Amino acid sequence: MSISLYTASVPVFRQILGSLAAILAKAEAHVDTKKLDPNALLQARLFPDMFPL
């Protein structure tokens, strides 16, 4: 029995995108609660040569 690429990949992508949506919602709530500039969070880096979000 063969498995299609769609069957193997789409459920994984749906889970990842759902998790990303939850993380972004938490980030949005954090920015609203702390009265921060959203661009400051998007430009944040852990190390100077790291690319921003």
C-alpha atoms as a PDB file:
ATOM      1  CA  MET A   1       0.000   0.000   0.000  1.00  0.00           C
ATOM      2  CA  SER A   2       1.416   3.381  -0.967  1.00  0.00           C
ATOM      3  CA  ILE A   3       0.881   6.664   0.824  1.00  0.00           C
ATOM      4  CA  SER A   4       0.490   9.946  -1.009  1.00  0.00           C
ATOM      5  CA  LEU A   5       2.622  12.986  -0.339  1.00  0.00           C
ATOM      6  CA  TYR A   6      -0.549  14.879   0.564  1.00  0.00           C
ATOM      7  CA  THR A   7      -1.556  12.327   3.206  1.00  0.00           C
ATOM      8  CA  ALA A   8       1.930  12.328   4.689  1.00  0.00           C
ATOM      9  CA  SER A   9       2.501  16.080   4.769  1.00  0.00           C
ATOM     10  CA  VAL A  10      -0.753  18.020   5.116  1.00  0.00           C
ATOM     11  CA  PRO A  11      -1.638  16.868   8.670  1.00  0.00           C
ATOM     12  CA  VAL A  12       1.860  17.830   9.819  1.00  0.00           C
ATOM     13  CA  PHE A  13       1.640  21.250   8.169  1.00  0.00           C
ATOM     14  CA  ARG A  14      -1.797  21.842   9.701  1.00  0.00           C
ATOM     15  CA  GLN A  15      -0.443  21.063  13.165  1.00  0.00           C
ATOM     16  CA  ILE A  16       2.580  23.317  12.699  1.00  0.00           C
ATOM     17  CA  LEU A  17       0.490  26.209  11.379  1.00  0.00           C
ATOM     18  CA  GLY A  18      -1.999  25.814  14.231  1.00  0.00           C
ATOM     19  CA  SER A  19       0.843  25.965  16.735  1.00  0.00           C
ATOM     20  CA  LEU A  20       2.301  29.016  14.999  1.00  0.00           C
ATOM     21  CA  ALA A  21      -1.089  30.745  15.158  1.00  0.00           C
ATOM     22  CA  ALA A  22      -1.250  30.091  18.915  1.00  0.00           C
ATOM     23  CA  ILE A  23       2.283  31.444  19.432  1.00  0.00           C
ATOM     24  CA  LEU A  24       1.481  34.587  17.439  1.00  0.00           C
ATOM     25  CA  ALA A  25      -1.720  35.103  19.453  1.00  0.00           C
ATOM     26  CA  LYS A  26       0.302  34.890  22.676  1.00  0.00           C
ATOM     27  CA  ALA A  27       2.841  37.372  21.296  1.00  0.00           C
ATOM     28  CA  GLU A  28       0.048  39.748  20.326  1.00  0.00           C
ATOM     29  CA  ALA A  29      -1.490  39.489  23.807  1.00  0.00           C
ATOM     30  CA  HIS A  30       1.929  40.130  25.383  1.00  0.00           C
ATOM     31  CA  VAL A  31       2.473  43.240  23.253  1.00  0.00           C
ATOM     32  CA  ASP A  32      -1.001  44.533  24.129  1.00  0.00           C
ATOM     33  CA  THR A  33      -0.592  43.828  27.858  1.00  0.00           C
ATOM     34  CA  LYS A  34       2.844  45.425  28.148  1.00  0.00           C
ATOM     35  CA  LYS A  35       1.974  48.319  25.803  1.00  0.00           C
ATOM     36  CA  LEU A  36       4.966  47.529  23.586  1.00  0.00           C
ATOM     37  CA  ASP A  37       5.618  48.446  19.977  1.00  0.00           C
ATOM     38  CA  PRO A  38       4.976  45.309  17.869  1.00  0.00           C
ATOM     39  CA  ASN A  39       7.922  46.214  15.626  1.00  0.00           C
ATOM     40  CA  ALA A  40      10.271  46.015  18.613  1.00  0.00           C
ATOM     41  CA  LEU A  41       9.269  42.387  19.098  1.00  0.00           C
ATOM     42  CA  LEU A  42       9.653  41.637  15.391  1.00  0.00           C
ATOM     43  CA  GLN A  43      13.132  43.194  15.324  1.00  0.00           C
ATOM     44  CA  ALA A  44      14.313  41.411  18.489  1.00  0.00           C
ATOM     45  CA  ARG A  45      17.425  39.244  18.204  1.00  0.00           C
ATOM     46  CA  LEU A  46      19.117  36.803  20.546  1.00  0.00           C
ATOM     47  CA  PHE A  47      22.515  37.511  19.005  1.00  0.00           C
ATOM     48  CA  PRO A  48      23.773  40.522  16.987  1.00  0.00           C
ATOM     49  CA  ASP A  49      24.260  38.632  13.706  1.00  0.00           C
ATOM     50  CA  MET A  50      20.906  36.854  13.909  1.00  0.00           C
ATOM     51  CA  PHE A  51      18.264  37.721  11.316  1.00  0.00           C
ATOM     52  CA  PRO A  52      15.149  39.460  12.729  1.00  0.00           C
ATOM     53  CA  LEU A  53      11.739  37.791  12.616  1.00  0.00           C
END
